[in-house]
Protein backbone atom coordinates (compact mmCIF):
# COMPACT_ATOMS: atom_id res chain seq x y z
CA MET A 1 11.44 2.15 0.08
CA THR A 2 11.21 -0.98 2.00
CA PHE A 3 11.38 -4.46 0.43
CA ARG A 4 7.45 -4.96 0.11
CA THR A 5 7.68 -7.62 -2.45
CA CYS A 6 10.12 -9.68 -0.33
CA ALA A 7 7.78 -9.32 2.68
CA GLN A 8 4.91 -10.40 0.67
CA ALA A 9 6.98 -13.39 -0.63
CA MET A 10 8.14 -14.48 3.03
CA LEU A 11 4.51 -14.22 4.23
CA ASP A 12 3.52 -16.46 1.24
CA VAL A 13 6.17 -18.90 2.35
CA LEU A 14 5.11 -18.97 5.77
CA LEU A 15 1.50 -19.74 4.72
CA ALA A 16 2.49 -22.45 2.52
CA ALA A 17 4.48 -24.10 5.50
CA LEU A 18 1.43 -23.88 7.92
CA PRO A 19 -1.05 -26.74 8.09
CA ASP A 20 -4.28 -26.53 6.29
CA GLY A 21 -6.61 -23.74 7.61
CA GLU A 22 -3.82 -22.05 9.82
CA GLY A 23 -2.70 -19.89 7.08
CA GLU A 24 -6.05 -18.17 6.57
CA GLY A 25 -6.44 -17.86 10.37
CA LEU A 26 -3.15 -16.15 10.58
CA LEU A 27 -4.02 -13.67 7.84
CA ARG A 28 -7.27 -12.83 9.24
CA THR A 29 -5.50 -12.25 12.48
CA LEU A 30 -2.85 -10.03 10.75
CA ARG A 31 -5.64 -8.08 9.01
CA ARG A 32 -5.86 -6.35 12.26
CA ASP A 33 -2.09 -5.50 12.66
CA ALA A 34 -1.16 -1.86 11.84
CA GLN A 35 2.08 -2.84 10.23
CA LEU A 36 1.17 -6.04 8.51
CA ALA A 37 -2.35 -5.53 7.46
CA PRO A 38 -1.53 -4.55 4.00
CA LEU A 39 0.47 -7.60 3.31
CA ALA A 40 -2.27 -9.76 5.01
CA LEU A 41 -5.18 -7.96 3.16
CA ASN A 42 -2.99 -8.37 -0.10
CA ALA A 43 -2.57 -12.10 0.47
CA LEU A 44 -6.26 -12.67 1.40
CA ALA A 45 -7.43 -10.84 -1.73
CA HIS A 46 -4.99 -12.60 -4.02
CA ARG A 47 -6.27 -16.02 -2.65
CA GLU A 48 -9.65 -14.84 -3.13
CA LEU A 49 -10.45 -15.46 0.51
CA LEU A 50 -11.51 -11.84 0.95
CA SER A 51 -13.50 -10.08 -1.89
CA PRO A 52 -13.37 -6.21 -2.29
CA GLU A 53 -17.09 -6.06 -1.29
CA ASP A 54 -16.13 -7.60 2.19
CA MET A 55 -13.27 -4.95 2.79
CA THR A 56 -13.83 -1.88 4.65
CA ASP A 57 -12.99 1.41 2.63
CA ALA A 58 -9.78 1.83 4.88
CA GLU A 59 -8.83 -1.81 4.02
CA SER A 60 -9.43 -1.25 0.10
CA LEU A 61 -7.09 1.85 0.46
CA LEU A 62 -4.52 -0.27 2.07
CA VAL A 63 -4.59 -2.92 -0.49
CA LEU A 64 -4.33 -0.15 -3.25
CA ALA A 65 -1.46 1.52 -1.49
CA GLU A 66 0.32 -1.75 -1.06
CA SER A 67 -0.14 -2.87 -4.85
CA LEU A 68 1.01 0.66 -6.01
CA LEU A 69 4.13 0.38 -3.71
CA GLN A 70 5.01 -3.14 -4.93
CA LEU A 71 4.56 -1.97 -8.59
CA VAL A 72 6.95 0.85 -8.00
CA GLU A 73 9.44 -1.55 -6.38
CA LEU A 74 9.13 -4.18 -9.19
CA ALA A 75 9.42 -1.59 -11.80
CA GLY A 76 12.75 -0.71 -10.33
CA GLY A 77 11.75 2.48 -8.96
CA GLY A 78 12.66 5.88 -10.75
CA ASP A 79 12.46 5.89 -14.50
CA GLY A 80 10.75 2.42 -14.57
CA ALA A 81 8.05 3.21 -12.09
CA GLU A 82 7.67 6.73 -13.74
CA GLU A 83 6.95 4.98 -17.25
CA THR A 84 4.79 2.40 -15.70
CA LEU A 85 2.56 5.25 -13.96
CA ARG A 86 2.68 7.49 -17.26
CA ALA A 87 1.36 4.50 -19.27
CA GLN A 88 -1.71 4.06 -16.76
CA GLY A 89 -2.63 7.77 -17.31
CA SER A 90 -5.67 9.18 -15.29
CA GLN A 91 -6.28 5.91 -13.79
CA ALA A 92 -2.73 5.97 -12.25
CA ARG A 93 -3.57 9.48 -11.02
CA ASP A 94 -6.71 8.52 -9.31
CA ALA A 95 -5.27 5.40 -7.63
CA VAL A 96 -2.28 7.40 -6.38
CA ALA A 97 -4.24 10.12 -5.00
CA ALA A 98 -6.18 7.39 -3.19
CA ALA A 99 -3.37 5.60 -1.82
CA LEU A 100 -1.79 8.73 -0.72
CA ASP A 101 -5.02 9.21 1.59
CA SER A 102 -4.55 5.60 3.08
CA ALA A 103 -3.33 4.73 6.51
CA HIS A 104 -0.51 2.53 4.91
CA PRO A 105 2.15 2.35 7.50
CA ASP A 106 5.10 2.70 4.86
CA ARG A 107 5.08 6.44 4.97
CA ALA A 108 8.60 6.72 3.27
CA GLY A 109 7.22 4.47 0.38
CA LEU A 110 4.03 6.76 -0.17
CA ASP A 111 6.50 9.80 -0.14
CA GLU A 112 8.46 8.26 -2.81
CA LEU A 113 5.26 7.24 -4.74
CA ARG A 114 3.98 10.88 -4.23
CA GLN A 115 7.30 12.36 -5.88
CA LEU A 116 7.30 9.72 -8.73
CA ALA A 117 3.58 10.55 -9.54
CA ALA A 118 4.54 14.26 -9.44
CA ARG A 119 7.09 13.76 -11.84
CA ALA A 120 5.39 11.18 -14.06
CA LEU A 121 1.79 12.43 -14.06
CA GLY A 122 2.12 15.88 -13.29
CA ILE A 123 0.21 15.69 -9.98
CA HIS A 124 0.81 18.88 -8.06
CA GLY A 125 -0.81 20.67 -5.11
CA ALA A 126 -3.47 18.94 -2.95
CA ARG A 127 -3.24 15.70 -5.21
CA ALA A 128 0.51 15.27 -4.54
CA ARG A 129 0.32 16.11 -0.91
CA LYS A 130 2.88 14.54 1.49
CA ALA A 131 2.00 11.20 2.90
CA ARG A 132 -0.03 12.02 6.08
CA ARG A 133 0.87 10.56 9.55
CA PRO A 134 -1.38 8.11 10.89
CA SER A 135 -4.00 10.01 13.36
CA GLY A 136 -2.84 10.37 16.91
CA LYS A 137 0.74 10.47 16.13
CA SER A 138 1.21 14.12 15.42
CA SER A 139 4.58 15.59 15.96
CA ARG A 140 3.23 19.04 16.52
CA LYS A 141 2.19 20.04 20.07
CA ARG A 142 -1.02 21.45 21.00
CA HIS A 143 -1.00 25.26 22.24
CA ARG A 144 -3.50 26.34 24.69
């Protein structure tokens, strides 16, 4: 899994270093960036510059996925993350299922989350499906 919490912290430092107003403008621009949108949306939400009602469904899923990936990282992965997920019960099960349906760019992180949830929560089958690839980037060739 990548270092999601470090990336979030680096973005926070950059925002703090920018003059007034420029940080929010940067975050709103990054909101449209495929790789950085989850971090930017997370920062906008934590700063109360973007409410859940003002996010699209896709953006809400990105924030949820980013939050879960950072939780797994902060819990130390493996056993710590499994224990944290287990403690949340059915809420964690529903959140993980929704996060796996997101277009979050950290596919490896989502796959790790899927595996952890399968062990911790007993999510199997469709609810534990592999993290899907973003649309338009299928490795399968079309046969005519």
